[in-house]
Structures are given as C-alpha cells and as structure tokens.
C-alpha cells in the first residue's frame, strides 16, 4: 500500500517549528516531526499543505518552496511487501496567524528549535538532521 503525504519544514529566523507526535499515534509515536498529513483524493499537493497547516497549527502559509520528495518503506510483517510512504517536503517561510497546537491528539506539544537543538531531539526519521541543515534558513 502507498501513503502519500505532505510535510512542512516551517522556518523563521533560523529556527524550525516541530511537533512532538502523541505517544498514542500508531506510526511514529512520541517523536518530533514536521507538520503535514495525507493527501486527500483529488487534492493537489499545495492544497494539502495549506489545509494541513490550517488544521494542525491555525496558520495559512503564504510563502513556500518545494524541496524534494522522499520515499520511505514503512514497517510491515515479513511475509508482506512493505508499505510505501511518499513524503513531499516544502519549506514554509511565511504565513498568516500564529502557530498554535490545534490538534493535541496528534501532537502533544510544539516548539521552535535552532538546528543545534533540533538534531538532539528524538526525531521521526534519522535523515532529518541532514534535511534540516540543508534547507533551513540561515541563522539570524
């Protein structure tokens, strides 16, 4: 099975906004992750980006750049082919509103982190430190 999602690397003044996924989540529980979610049928990727950030953070992105698409194998039983997670990553650099944790059932907390702080967190994917370093805005 294939899961297609959009993820937002939200940056401002050299810091990255991340959410700690709820410990009750089935996939990637209790780790820090970018915001985003599943692409709905018939939805364009940028529509998903806007919808998810409005739902999860109460912000409307106004400036973003597509960065890259990653394909990740999800854990599955040995006798089954792995599920694929296709992640379209955007760097969001401007928005209207103030980020607030609108869905505490998804994220137990949110926070802004300098790169040096973010890479020390328990992250959803081992490649995030490299991704964050490559795409964040320069420090102030």
C-alpha atoms as a PDB file:
ATOM      1  CA  UNK A   1       0.000   0.000   0.000  1.00  0.00           C
ATOM      2  CA  UNK A   2       1.133   3.534  -0.723  1.00  0.00           C
ATOM      3  CA  UNK A   3       0.639   6.528   1.589  1.00  0.00           C
ATOM      4  CA  UNK A   4       1.206   9.981   0.115  1.00  0.00           C
ATOM      5  CA  UNK A   5       1.779  12.879   2.493  1.00  0.00           C
ATOM      6  CA  UNK A   6       2.955  16.475   2.524  1.00  0.00           C
ATOM      7  CA  UNK A   7       5.374  17.711   5.203  1.00  0.00           C
ATOM      8  CA  UNK A   8       6.246  21.318   6.042  1.00  0.00           C
ATOM      9  CA  UNK A   9       9.668  22.431   7.204  1.00  0.00           C
ATOM     10  CA  UNK A  10       8.457  25.650   8.848  1.00  0.00           C
ATOM     11  CA  UNK A  11      11.327  28.078   9.420  1.00  0.00           C
ATOM     12  CA  UNK A  12      11.652  31.575  10.819  1.00  0.00           C
ATOM     13  CA  UNK A  13      14.724  33.494  11.953  1.00  0.00           C
ATOM     14  CA  UNK A  14      16.924  30.411  11.804  1.00  0.00           C
ATOM     15  CA  UNK A  15      14.576  28.218  13.858  1.00  0.00           C
ATOM     16  CA  UNK A  16      12.447  25.222  12.879  1.00  0.00           C
ATOM     17  CA  UNK A  17       8.901  24.561  14.147  1.00  0.00           C
ATOM     18  CA  UNK A  18       8.380  20.907  15.102  1.00  0.00           C
ATOM     19  CA  UNK A  19       5.652  18.934  16.828  1.00  0.00           C
ATOM     20  CA  UNK A  20       6.072  16.039  19.232  1.00  0.00           C
ATOM     21  CA  UNK A  21       3.753  13.306  17.999  1.00  0.00           C
ATOM     22  CA  UNK A  22       1.378  11.928  20.598  1.00  0.00           C
ATOM     23  CA  UNK A  23       2.509   8.732  22.338  1.00  0.00           C
ATOM     24  CA  UNK A  24      -0.785   7.123  21.238  1.00  0.00           C
ATOM     25  CA  UNK A  25      -0.079   7.509  17.500  1.00  0.00           C
ATOM     26  CA  UNK A  26       0.201   4.223  15.575  1.00  0.00           C
ATOM     27  CA  UNK A  27       3.006   5.425  13.311  1.00  0.00           C
ATOM     28  CA  UNK A  28       5.991   7.255  14.771  1.00  0.00           C
ATOM     29  CA  UNK A  29       4.654   7.721  18.334  1.00  0.00           C
ATOM     30  CA  UNK A  30       6.330  10.156  20.743  1.00  0.00           C
ATOM     31  CA  UNK A  31       8.901  11.557  18.284  1.00  0.00           C
ATOM     32  CA  UNK A  32       9.428  15.067  16.941  1.00  0.00           C
ATOM     33  CA  UNK A  33       8.256  15.605  13.386  1.00  0.00           C
ATOM     34  CA  UNK A  34       7.413  18.176  10.751  1.00  0.00           C
ATOM     35  CA  UNK A  35       3.772  19.179  10.342  1.00  0.00           C
ATOM     36  CA  UNK A  36       1.630  17.897   7.492  1.00  0.00           C
ATOM     37  CA  UNK A  37      -0.532  14.974   6.555  1.00  0.00           C
ATOM     38  CA  UNK A  38      -2.152  12.733   3.987  1.00  0.00           C
ATOM     39  CA  UNK A  39      -3.079  13.939   0.522  1.00  0.00           C
ATOM     40  CA  UNK A  40      -6.854  13.558   0.078  1.00  0.00           C
ATOM     41  CA  UNK A  41      -8.251  12.075  -3.175  1.00  0.00           C
ATOM     42  CA  UNK A  42      -8.334  14.737  -5.893  1.00  0.00           C
ATOM     43  CA  UNK A  43      -6.288  17.172  -3.815  1.00  0.00           C
ATOM     44  CA  UNK A  44      -3.208  18.928  -5.200  1.00  0.00           C
ATOM     45  CA  UNK A  45      -0.060  18.820  -3.036  1.00  0.00           C
ATOM     46  CA  UNK A  46      -0.139  22.554  -2.306  1.00  0.00           C
ATOM     47  CA  UNK A  47      -3.802  22.297  -1.289  1.00  0.00           C
ATOM     48  CA  UNK A  48      -2.808  19.581   1.191  1.00  0.00           C
ATOM     49  CA  UNK A  49      -0.031  21.800   2.560  1.00  0.00           C
ATOM     50  CA  UNK A  50      -2.414  24.709   3.186  1.00  0.00           C
ATOM     51  CA  UNK A  51      -5.197  22.518   4.608  1.00  0.00           C
ATOM     52  CA  UNK A  52      -2.953  20.596   6.977  1.00  0.00           C
ATOM     53  CA  UNK A  53      -1.237  23.691   8.392  1.00  0.00           C
ATOM     54  CA  UNK A  54      -4.609  25.373   8.923  1.00  0.00           C
ATOM     55  CA  UNK A  55      -5.956  22.261  10.692  1.00  0.00           C
ATOM     56  CA  UNK A  56      -2.874  21.476  12.794  1.00  0.00           C
ATOM     57  CA  UNK A  57      -1.489  24.942  13.579  1.00  0.00           C
ATOM     58  CA  UNK A  58      -4.180  27.502  12.728  1.00  0.00           C
ATOM     59  CA  UNK A  59      -1.891  29.221  10.206  1.00  0.00           C
ATOM     60  CA  UNK A  60      -2.282  29.821   6.482  1.00  0.00           C
ATOM     61  CA  UNK A  61       1.002  29.502   4.592  1.00  0.00           C
ATOM     62  CA  UNK A  62       1.634  32.379   2.180  1.00  0.00           C
ATOM     63  CA  UNK A  63       5.170  31.581   1.005  1.00  0.00           C
ATOM     64  CA  UNK A  64       6.659  28.157   0.428  1.00  0.00           C
ATOM     65  CA  UNK A  65       9.128  26.295  -1.767  1.00  0.00           C
ATOM     66  CA  UNK A  66       9.004  22.656  -2.832  1.00  0.00           C
ATOM     67  CA  UNK A  67      12.185  20.938  -1.616  1.00  0.00           C
ATOM     68  CA  UNK A  68      12.086  17.245  -2.506  1.00  0.00           C
ATOM     69  CA  UNK A  69      10.128  14.009  -2.402  1.00  0.00           C
ATOM     70  CA  UNK A  70      11.282  11.112  -0.222  1.00  0.00           C
ATOM     71  CA  UNK A  71      10.130   7.501  -0.413  1.00  0.00           C
ATOM     72  CA  UNK A  72      10.303   5.511   2.831  1.00  0.00           C
ATOM     73  CA  UNK A  73       9.491   1.843   3.498  1.00  0.00           C
ATOM     74  CA  UNK A  74       7.089   1.512   6.436  1.00  0.00           C
ATOM     75  CA  UNK A  75       7.412  -1.457   8.796  1.00  0.00           C
ATOM     76  CA  UNK A  76       5.335  -4.457   7.735  1.00  0.00           C
ATOM     77  CA  UNK A  77       5.167  -8.185   8.521  1.00  0.00           C
ATOM     78  CA  UNK A  78       7.999 -10.167   6.865  1.00  0.00           C
ATOM     79  CA  UNK A  79       5.614 -12.067   4.595  1.00  0.00           C
ATOM     80  CA  UNK A  80       4.130  -8.860   3.130  1.00  0.00           C
ATOM     81  CA  UNK A  81       5.688  -6.241   0.855  1.00  0.00           C
ATOM     82  CA  UNK A  82       6.449  -3.017   2.733  1.00  0.00           C
ATOM     83  CA  UNK A  83       4.003  -0.154   2.645  1.00  0.00           C
ATOM     84  CA  UNK A  84       5.474   2.900   0.967  1.00  0.00           C
ATOM     85  CA  UNK A  85       5.361   6.376   2.460  1.00  0.00           C
ATOM     86  CA  UNK A  86       5.844   9.099  -0.149  1.00  0.00           C
ATOM     87  CA  UNK A  87       6.668  12.421   1.517  1.00  0.00           C
ATOM     88  CA  UNK A  88       6.576  15.705  -0.423  1.00  0.00           C
ATOM     89  CA  UNK A  89       8.551  18.263   1.592  1.00  0.00           C
ATOM     90  CA  UNK A  90       8.017  22.017   1.422  1.00  0.00           C
ATOM     91  CA  UNK A  91       9.914  24.776   3.235  1.00  0.00           C
ATOM     92  CA  UNK A  92       7.382  27.298   4.560  1.00  0.00           C
ATOM     93  CA  UNK A  93       8.859  30.740   5.242  1.00  0.00           C
ATOM     94  CA  UNK A  94       5.798  32.959   5.708  1.00  0.00           C
ATOM     95  CA  UNK A  95       2.204  32.604   6.879  1.00  0.00           C
ATOM     96  CA  UNK A  96      -0.687  34.436   8.433  1.00  0.00           C
ATOM     97  CA  UNK A  97      -1.702  33.681  12.009  1.00  0.00           C
ATOM     98  CA  UNK A  98       0.277  32.443  14.991  1.00  0.00           C
ATOM     99  CA  UNK A  99       1.137  28.730  15.216  1.00  0.00           C
ATOM    100  CA  UNK A 100      -0.889  27.006  17.951  1.00  0.00           C
ATOM    101  CA  UNK A 101      -1.235  23.283  18.635  1.00  0.00           C
ATOM    102  CA  UNK A 102      -4.763  22.849  17.264  1.00  0.00           C
ATOM    103  CA  UNK A 103      -4.793  19.033  17.463  1.00  0.00           C
ATOM    104  CA  UNK A 104      -3.335  17.835  20.782  1.00  0.00           C
ATOM    105  CA  UNK A 105      -4.469  14.285  19.940  1.00  0.00           C
ATOM    106  CA  UNK A 106      -1.876  14.364  17.108  1.00  0.00           C
ATOM    107  CA  UNK A 107       0.898  16.402  18.734  1.00  0.00           C
ATOM    108  CA  UNK A 108       1.407  16.558  22.486  1.00  0.00           C
ATOM    109  CA  UNK A 109       3.423  19.779  22.148  1.00  0.00           C
ATOM    110  CA  UNK A 110       5.028  22.062  19.559  1.00  0.00           C
ATOM    111  CA  UNK A 111       8.181  24.149  19.709  1.00  0.00           C
ATOM    112  CA  UNK A 112      10.705  26.287  17.855  1.00  0.00           C
ATOM    113  CA  UNK A 113      14.246  24.892  17.723  1.00  0.00           C
ATOM    114  CA  UNK A 114      17.614  26.074  16.485  1.00  0.00           C
ATOM    115  CA  UNK A 115      19.298  23.475  14.287  1.00  0.00           C
ATOM    116  CA  UNK A 116      21.667  22.557  17.124  1.00  0.00           C
ATOM    117  CA  UNK A 117      18.680  21.853  19.405  1.00  0.00           C
ATOM    118  CA  UNK A 118      16.565  20.070  16.773  1.00  0.00           C
ATOM    119  CA  UNK A 119      19.217  17.492  15.914  1.00  0.00           C
ATOM    120  CA  UNK A 120      19.384  16.410  19.582  1.00  0.00           C
ATOM    121  CA  UNK A 121      15.655  15.577  19.705  1.00  0.00           C
ATOM    122  CA  UNK A 122      14.228  12.101  19.194  1.00  0.00           C
ATOM    123  CA  UNK A 123      13.189  12.668  15.567  1.00  0.00           C
ATOM    124  CA  UNK A 124      10.747  10.756  13.363  1.00  0.00           C
ATOM    125  CA  UNK A 125      13.455   9.933  10.819  1.00  0.00           C
ATOM    126  CA  UNK A 126      17.226   9.533  11.084  1.00  0.00           C
ATOM    127  CA  UNK A 127      17.751  11.644   7.969  1.00  0.00           C
ATOM    128  CA  UNK A 128      16.051  14.735   9.450  1.00  0.00           C
ATOM    129  CA  UNK A 129      19.257  16.348  10.811  1.00  0.00           C
ATOM    130  CA  UNK A 130      20.759  16.393   7.315  1.00  0.00           C
ATOM    131  CA  UNK A 131      17.479  17.603   5.816  1.00  0.00           C
ATOM    132  CA  UNK A 132      17.131  20.374   8.415  1.00  0.00           C
ATOM    133  CA  UNK A 133      20.725  21.522   7.890  1.00  0.00           C
ATOM    134  CA  UNK A 134      20.328  21.569   4.113  1.00  0.00           C
ATOM    135  CA  UNK A 135      17.063  23.506   3.959  1.00  0.00           C
ATOM    136  CA  UNK A 136      16.684  25.760   6.984  1.00  0.00           C
ATOM    137  CA  UNK A 137      17.151  29.487   6.629  1.00  0.00           C
ATOM    138  CA  UNK A 138      20.499  30.920   7.658  1.00  0.00           C
ATOM    139  CA  UNK A 139      20.769  31.800  11.349  1.00  0.00           C
ATOM    140  CA  UNK A 140      19.972  35.419  12.322  1.00  0.00           C
END
